[in-house]
């Protein structure tokens, strides 16, 4: 069984039902896969995803500070990867003369606000499920696409073996520290993922 199949069959994904499918499929992704994505939509996604990752980095740092030591190393490694990802986004934005100082779209802002509020109110076990939800949604969403065409580099980034191993470790941690509140939080992540894909496609 591939890791993608493992993620698809995890208790959180199956527990989310249709919300899971809505979080990992979108017209935006279909257009990435067949190379027909309008440049406007791609630029909107790049800027808004950069702003989201900045907010997600804050959430990750807050979560790492509340997580038991045995699980901290994975989150610290994830923070380092996010720092590299921000630099990667910045390089692509500079090449395209995009303004990364733009305001977050209300959909992006709601997602970030949800994360930060959760970091201050939810137990660390629930926060682990949120992190897993964010990352697994990306590796499965991009993993359903062929790494060809003008967006192959972006598909490769979130489907690499290294990234999938990281996501698998997040799943292991979420299962190790299982909590009744994890499913509701994971479901909320899927709602935000669905809305984010729609925002990047439609504006």
C-alpha atoms as a PDB file:
ATOM      1  CA  UNK A   1       0.000   0.000   0.000  1.00  0.00           C
ATOM      2  CA  UNK A   2       1.344   3.438  -0.932  1.00  0.00           C
ATOM      3  CA  UNK A   3       1.506   6.241   1.606  1.00  0.00           C
ATOM      4  CA  UNK A   4      -1.195   8.101  -0.329  1.00  0.00           C
ATOM      5  CA  UNK A   5      -3.470   5.082   0.091  1.00  0.00           C
ATOM      6  CA  UNK A   6      -2.564   4.940   3.779  1.00  0.00           C
ATOM      7  CA  UNK A   7      -3.552   8.571   4.181  1.00  0.00           C
ATOM      8  CA  UNK A   8      -6.799   8.032   2.274  1.00  0.00           C
ATOM      9  CA  UNK A   9      -7.719   5.163   4.606  1.00  0.00           C
ATOM     10  CA  UNK A  10      -6.643   6.789   7.878  1.00  0.00           C
ATOM     11  CA  UNK A  11      -9.254   7.104  10.630  1.00  0.00           C
ATOM     12  CA  UNK A  12      -9.345  10.904  10.276  1.00  0.00           C
ATOM     13  CA  UNK A  13      -9.852  10.856   6.509  1.00  0.00           C
ATOM     14  CA  UNK A  14     -12.544   8.200   6.638  1.00  0.00           C
ATOM     15  CA  UNK A  15     -14.148   9.908   9.633  1.00  0.00           C
ATOM     16  CA  UNK A  16     -14.399  13.153   7.659  1.00  0.00           C
ATOM     17  CA  UNK A  17     -16.446  11.477   4.932  1.00  0.00           C
ATOM     18  CA  UNK A  18     -17.334  13.810   2.064  1.00  0.00           C
ATOM     19  CA  UNK A  19     -15.453  16.671   3.731  1.00  0.00           C
ATOM     20  CA  UNK A  20     -12.227  14.792   3.054  1.00  0.00           C
ATOM     21  CA  UNK A  21     -12.954  14.469  -0.659  1.00  0.00           C
ATOM     22  CA  UNK A  22     -13.944  18.136  -0.891  1.00  0.00           C
ATOM     23  CA  UNK A  23     -10.682  19.132   0.796  1.00  0.00           C
ATOM     24  CA  UNK A  24      -8.386  17.297  -1.610  1.00  0.00           C
ATOM     25  CA  UNK A  25     -10.117  17.786  -4.981  1.00  0.00           C
ATOM     26  CA  UNK A  26     -10.859  21.037  -6.796  1.00  0.00           C
ATOM     27  CA  UNK A  27     -11.192  22.615 -10.238  1.00  0.00           C
ATOM     28  CA  UNK A  28      -8.006  24.529  -9.458  1.00  0.00           C
ATOM     29  CA  UNK A  29      -6.126  21.242  -9.074  1.00  0.00           C
ATOM     30  CA  UNK A  30      -7.686  19.792 -12.216  1.00  0.00           C
ATOM     31  CA  UNK A  31      -6.426  22.811 -14.142  1.00  0.00           C
ATOM     32  CA  UNK A  32      -2.949  22.441 -12.611  1.00  0.00           C
ATOM     33  CA  UNK A  33      -2.909  18.820 -13.710  1.00  0.00           C
ATOM     34  CA  UNK A  34      -3.873  19.433 -17.324  1.00  0.00           C
ATOM     35  CA  UNK A  35      -1.831  22.634 -17.631  1.00  0.00           C
ATOM     36  CA  UNK A  36      -4.852  24.863 -18.312  1.00  0.00           C
ATOM     37  CA  UNK A  37      -4.674  26.897 -15.098  1.00  0.00           C
ATOM     38  CA  UNK A  38      -5.142  30.621 -15.870  1.00  0.00           C
ATOM     39  CA  UNK A  39      -2.133  32.695 -14.898  1.00  0.00           C
ATOM     40  CA  UNK A  40      -4.317  34.932 -12.749  1.00  0.00           C
ATOM     41  CA  UNK A  41      -5.443  31.966 -10.652  1.00  0.00           C
ATOM     42  CA  UNK A  42      -1.891  30.693 -10.290  1.00  0.00           C
ATOM     43  CA  UNK A  43      -0.625  34.086  -9.133  1.00  0.00           C
ATOM     44  CA  UNK A  44      -3.497  34.402  -6.679  1.00  0.00           C
ATOM     45  CA  UNK A  45      -2.721  30.956  -5.275  1.00  0.00           C
ATOM     46  CA  UNK A  46       1.007  31.665  -4.975  1.00  0.00           C
ATOM     47  CA  UNK A  47       0.524  34.897  -3.024  1.00  0.00           C
ATOM     48  CA  UNK A  48      -2.266  33.601  -0.802  1.00  0.00           C
ATOM     49  CA  UNK A  49      -0.546  30.297  -0.098  1.00  0.00           C
ATOM     50  CA  UNK A  50       2.589  32.197   0.900  1.00  0.00           C
ATOM     51  CA  UNK A  51       0.540  34.282   3.335  1.00  0.00           C
ATOM     52  CA  UNK A  52      -1.078  31.118   4.652  1.00  0.00           C
ATOM     53  CA  UNK A  53       2.289  29.428   5.203  1.00  0.00           C
ATOM     54  CA  UNK A  54       3.434  32.432   7.214  1.00  0.00           C
ATOM     55  CA  UNK A  55       0.400  32.037   9.452  1.00  0.00           C
ATOM     56  CA  UNK A  56       0.842  28.274   9.579  1.00  0.00           C
ATOM     57  CA  UNK A  57       4.449  28.773  10.685  1.00  0.00           C
ATOM     58  CA  UNK A  58       3.244  30.786  13.672  1.00  0.00           C
ATOM     59  CA  UNK A  59       0.726  28.059  14.490  1.00  0.00           C
ATOM     60  CA  UNK A  60       3.423  25.375  14.237  1.00  0.00           C
ATOM     61  CA  UNK A  61       5.737  27.292  16.567  1.00  0.00           C
ATOM     62  CA  UNK A  62       2.982  27.704  19.152  1.00  0.00           C
ATOM     63  CA  UNK A  63       2.098  24.020  18.886  1.00  0.00           C
ATOM     64  CA  UNK A  64       5.711  22.884  19.216  1.00  0.00           C
ATOM     65  CA  UNK A  65       5.980  24.840  22.463  1.00  0.00           C
ATOM     66  CA  UNK A  66       3.036  22.882  23.897  1.00  0.00           C
ATOM     67  CA  UNK A  67       3.931  19.425  22.598  1.00  0.00           C
ATOM     68  CA  UNK A  68       5.590  16.728  24.737  1.00  0.00           C
ATOM     69  CA  UNK A  69       9.299  16.333  24.104  1.00  0.00           C
ATOM     70  CA  UNK A  70       9.010  12.943  22.286  1.00  0.00           C
ATOM     71  CA  UNK A  71       6.983  14.626  19.544  1.00  0.00           C
ATOM     72  CA  UNK A  72       8.789  17.953  19.397  1.00  0.00           C
ATOM     73  CA  UNK A  73      11.579  16.950  17.034  1.00  0.00           C
ATOM     74  CA  UNK A  74       9.118  16.209  14.233  1.00  0.00           C
ATOM     75  CA  UNK A  75       7.454  19.609  14.621  1.00  0.00           C
ATOM     76  CA  UNK A  76      10.795  21.407  14.833  1.00  0.00           C
ATOM     77  CA  UNK A  77      11.826  19.692  11.601  1.00  0.00           C
ATOM     78  CA  UNK A  78       8.535  20.798  10.090  1.00  0.00           C
ATOM     79  CA  UNK A  79       9.240  24.388  11.090  1.00  0.00           C
ATOM     80  CA  UNK A  80      12.613  24.265   9.352  1.00  0.00           C
ATOM     81  CA  UNK A  81      10.916  22.941   6.218  1.00  0.00           C
ATOM     82  CA  UNK A  82       8.368  25.765   6.350  1.00  0.00           C
ATOM     83  CA  UNK A  83      11.174  28.313   6.543  1.00  0.00           C
ATOM     84  CA  UNK A  84      12.707  26.820   3.391  1.00  0.00           C
ATOM     85  CA  UNK A  85       9.281  26.793   1.757  1.00  0.00           C
ATOM     86  CA  UNK A  86       8.783  30.498   2.446  1.00  0.00           C
ATOM     87  CA  UNK A  87      12.116  31.239   0.746  1.00  0.00           C
ATOM     88  CA  UNK A  88      11.026  29.069  -2.199  1.00  0.00           C
ATOM     89  CA  UNK A  89       7.765  31.017  -2.520  1.00  0.00           C
ATOM     90  CA  UNK A  90       9.677  34.288  -2.307  1.00  0.00           C
ATOM     91  CA  UNK A  91      11.922  33.241  -5.177  1.00  0.00           C
ATOM     92  CA  UNK A  92       8.965  32.375  -7.388  1.00  0.00           C
ATOM     93  CA  UNK A  93       7.170  35.588  -6.477  1.00  0.00           C
ATOM     94  CA  UNK A  94      10.217  37.702  -7.277  1.00  0.00           C
ATOM     95  CA  UNK A  95      10.594  36.012 -10.652  1.00  0.00           C
ATOM     96  CA  UNK A  96       6.980  36.904 -11.432  1.00  0.00           C
ATOM     97  CA  UNK A  97       7.071  40.407  -9.848  1.00  0.00           C
ATOM     98  CA  UNK A  98       4.304  39.474  -7.399  1.00  0.00           C
ATOM     99  CA  UNK A  99       3.611  41.487  -4.260  1.00  0.00           C
ATOM    100  CA  UNK A 100       3.859  39.229  -1.213  1.00  0.00           C
ATOM    101  CA  UNK A 101       2.916  42.177   0.968  1.00  0.00           C
ATOM    102  CA  UNK A 102      -0.626  42.040  -0.380  1.00  0.00           C
ATOM    103  CA  UNK A 103      -3.516  41.618   2.031  1.00  0.00           C
ATOM    104  CA  UNK A 104      -4.727  38.152   2.827  1.00  0.00           C
ATOM    105  CA  UNK A 105      -7.977  37.246   1.096  1.00  0.00           C
ATOM    106  CA  UNK A 106     -10.827  36.866   3.655  1.00  0.00           C
ATOM    107  CA  UNK A 107     -10.828  33.100   3.005  1.00  0.00           C
ATOM    108  CA  UNK A 108      -7.125  32.885   3.754  1.00  0.00           C
ATOM    109  CA  UNK A 109      -7.513  35.120   6.800  1.00  0.00           C
ATOM    110  CA  UNK A 110     -10.294  32.935   8.222  1.00  0.00           C
ATOM    111  CA  UNK A 111      -8.098  29.852   7.832  1.00  0.00           C
ATOM    112  CA  UNK A 112      -5.153  31.499   9.599  1.00  0.00           C
ATOM    113  CA  UNK A 113      -7.394  32.854  12.344  1.00  0.00           C
ATOM    114  CA  UNK A 114      -8.772  29.355  12.931  1.00  0.00           C
ATOM    115  CA  UNK A 115      -5.253  27.967  13.290  1.00  0.00           C
ATOM    116  CA  UNK A 116      -4.007  30.641  15.665  1.00  0.00           C
ATOM    117  CA  UNK A 117      -7.143  30.520  17.828  1.00  0.00           C
ATOM    118  CA  UNK A 118      -6.797  26.740  18.037  1.00  0.00           C
ATOM    119  CA  UNK A 119      -3.161  27.041  19.083  1.00  0.00           C
ATOM    120  CA  UNK A 120      -4.206  28.997  22.165  1.00  0.00           C
ATOM    121  CA  UNK A 121      -7.289  26.985  23.096  1.00  0.00           C
ATOM    122  CA  UNK A 122      -7.046  23.342  22.008  1.00  0.00           C
ATOM    123  CA  UNK A 123      -5.011  20.536  23.626  1.00  0.00           C
ATOM    124  CA  UNK A 124      -1.772  19.624  21.866  1.00  0.00           C
ATOM    125  CA  UNK A 125      -3.251  16.316  20.655  1.00  0.00           C
ATOM    126  CA  UNK A 126      -5.901  18.211  18.697  1.00  0.00           C
ATOM    127  CA  UNK A 127      -3.253  20.575  17.320  1.00  0.00           C
ATOM    128  CA  UNK A 128      -1.311  17.561  16.027  1.00  0.00           C
ATOM    129  CA  UNK A 129      -4.410  16.475  14.089  1.00  0.00           C
ATOM    130  CA  UNK A 130      -4.739  19.980  12.636  1.00  0.00           C
ATOM    131  CA  UNK A 131      -1.125  19.966  11.455  1.00  0.00           C
ATOM    132  CA  UNK A 132      -1.621  16.532   9.956  1.00  0.00           C
ATOM    133  CA  UNK A 133      -4.804  17.723   8.243  1.00  0.00           C
ATOM    134  CA  UNK A 134      -3.080  20.696   6.621  1.00  0.00           C
ATOM    135  CA  UNK A 135      -0.155  18.650   5.365  1.00  0.00           C
ATOM    136  CA  UNK A 136      -2.000  15.496   4.318  1.00  0.00           C
ATOM    137  CA  UNK A 137      -4.518  17.549   2.341  1.00  0.00           C
ATOM    138  CA  UNK A 138      -1.654  18.939   0.284  1.00  0.00           C
ATOM    139  CA  UNK A 139       0.235  15.738  -0.347  1.00  0.00           C
ATOM    140  CA  UNK A 140      -2.943  13.897  -1.390  1.00  0.00           C
ATOM    141  CA  UNK A 141      -4.332  16.802  -3.437  1.00  0.00           C
ATOM    142  CA  UNK A 142      -1.107  17.246  -5.394  1.00  0.00           C
ATOM    143  CA  UNK A 143      -0.439  13.504  -5.330  1.00  0.00           C
ATOM    144  CA  UNK A 144      -3.488  12.905  -7.514  1.00  0.00           C
ATOM    145  CA  UNK A 145      -1.786  14.873 -10.318  1.00  0.00           C
ATOM    146  CA  UNK A 146       0.845  13.831 -12.853  1.00  0.00           C
ATOM    147  CA  UNK A 147       4.098  15.753 -12.364  1.00  0.00           C
ATOM    148  CA  UNK A 148       4.211  17.037 -15.935  1.00  0.00           C
ATOM    149  CA  UNK A 149       3.559  20.326 -17.686  1.00  0.00           C
ATOM    150  CA  UNK A 150       4.229  23.887 -16.510  1.00  0.00           C
ATOM    151  CA  UNK A 151       3.465  23.149 -12.834  1.00  0.00           C
ATOM    152  CA  UNK A 152       5.522  19.975 -12.429  1.00  0.00           C
ATOM    153  CA  UNK A 153       7.868  21.626  -9.908  1.00  0.00           C
ATOM    154  CA  UNK A 154       4.935  22.491  -7.656  1.00  0.00           C
ATOM    155  CA  UNK A 155       3.452  19.002  -7.903  1.00  0.00           C
ATOM    156  CA  UNK A 156       6.832  17.455  -7.111  1.00  0.00           C
ATOM    157  CA  UNK A 157       7.287  19.587  -4.028  1.00  0.00           C
ATOM    158  CA  UNK A 158       4.300  18.174  -2.147  1.00  0.00           C
ATOM    159  CA  UNK A 159       4.508  14.625  -3.467  1.00  0.00           C
ATOM    160  CA  UNK A 160       8.175  13.917  -2.766  1.00  0.00           C
ATOM    161  CA  UNK A 161       9.042  10.818  -0.752  1.00  0.00           C
ATOM    162  CA  UNK A 162      10.588  13.015   1.939  1.00  0.00           C
ATOM    163  CA  UNK A 163       7.431  15.087   2.388  1.00  0.00           C
ATOM    164  CA  UNK A 164       5.213  12.013   2.425  1.00  0.00           C
ATOM    165  CA  UNK A 165       7.370  10.420   5.119  1.00  0.00           C
ATOM    166  CA  UNK A 166       6.967  13.596   7.181  1.00  0.00           C
ATOM    167  CA  UNK A 167       3.188  13.437   6.767  1.00  0.00           C
ATOM    168  CA  UNK A 168       3.231   9.760   7.765  1.00  0.00           C
ATOM    169  CA  UNK A 169       5.087  10.693  10.953  1.00  0.00           C
ATOM    170  CA  UNK A 170       2.474  13.351  11.697  1.00  0.00           C
ATOM    171  CA  UNK A 171      -0.219  10.697  11.320  1.00  0.00           C
ATOM    172  CA  UNK A 172       1.663   8.406  13.699  1.00  0.00           C
ATOM    173  CA  UNK A 173       1.864  11.193  16.272  1.00  0.00           C
ATOM    174  CA  UNK A 174      -1.829  12.052  15.905  1.00  0.00           C
ATOM    175  CA  UNK A 175      -2.686   8.391  16.469  1.00  0.00           C
ATOM    176  CA  UNK A 176      -0.266   8.078  19.378  1.00  0.00           C
ATOM    177  CA  UNK A 177      -1.870  11.032  21.143  1.00  0.00           C
ATOM    178  CA  UNK A 178      -5.415  10.218  20.017  1.00  0.00           C
ATOM    179  CA  UNK A 179      -8.052  12.573  21.390  1.00  0.00           C
ATOM    180  CA  UNK A 180     -11.843  12.749  20.875  1.00  0.00           C
ATOM    181  CA  UNK A 181     -11.515  16.317  19.643  1.00  0.00           C
ATOM    182  CA  UNK A 182      -9.210  15.445  16.764  1.00  0.00           C
ATOM    183  CA  UNK A 183     -11.937  14.524  14.283  1.00  0.00           C
ATOM    184  CA  UNK A 184     -13.870  17.768  14.628  1.00  0.00           C
ATOM    185  CA  UNK A 185     -10.687  19.810  14.192  1.00  0.00           C
ATOM    186  CA  UNK A 186      -9.592  17.717  11.188  1.00  0.00           C
ATOM    187  CA  UNK A 187     -13.013  18.202   9.616  1.00  0.00           C
ATOM    188  CA  UNK A 188     -12.687  21.958  10.054  1.00  0.00           C
ATOM    189  CA  UNK A 189      -9.327  21.889   8.290  1.00  0.00           C
ATOM    190  CA  UNK A 190     -10.978  20.125   5.344  1.00  0.00           C
ATOM    191  CA  UNK A 191     -13.647  22.834   5.189  1.00  0.00           C
ATOM    192  CA  UNK A 192     -10.983  25.505   5.058  1.00  0.00           C
ATOM    193  CA  UNK A 193      -9.014  23.577   2.422  1.00  0.00           C
ATOM    194  CA  UNK A 194     -12.115  23.360   0.241  1.00  0.00           C
ATOM    195  CA  UNK A 195     -12.756  27.072   0.602  1.00  0.00           C
ATOM    196  CA  UNK A 196      -9.114  27.913  -0.115  1.00  0.00           C
ATOM    197  CA  UNK A 197      -9.114  25.957  -3.389  1.00  0.00           C
ATOM    198  CA  UNK A 198     -12.330  27.693  -4.452  1.00  0.00           C
ATOM    199  CA  UNK A 199     -10.851  31.089  -3.580  1.00  0.00           C
ATOM    200  CA  UNK A 200      -7.718  30.488  -5.640  1.00  0.00           C
ATOM    201  CA  UNK A 201      -9.815  29.396  -8.626  1.00  0.00           C
ATOM    202  CA  UNK A 202     -12.575  31.989  -8.483  1.00  0.00           C
ATOM    203  CA  UNK A 203     -11.025  34.938  -6.689  1.00  0.00           C
END
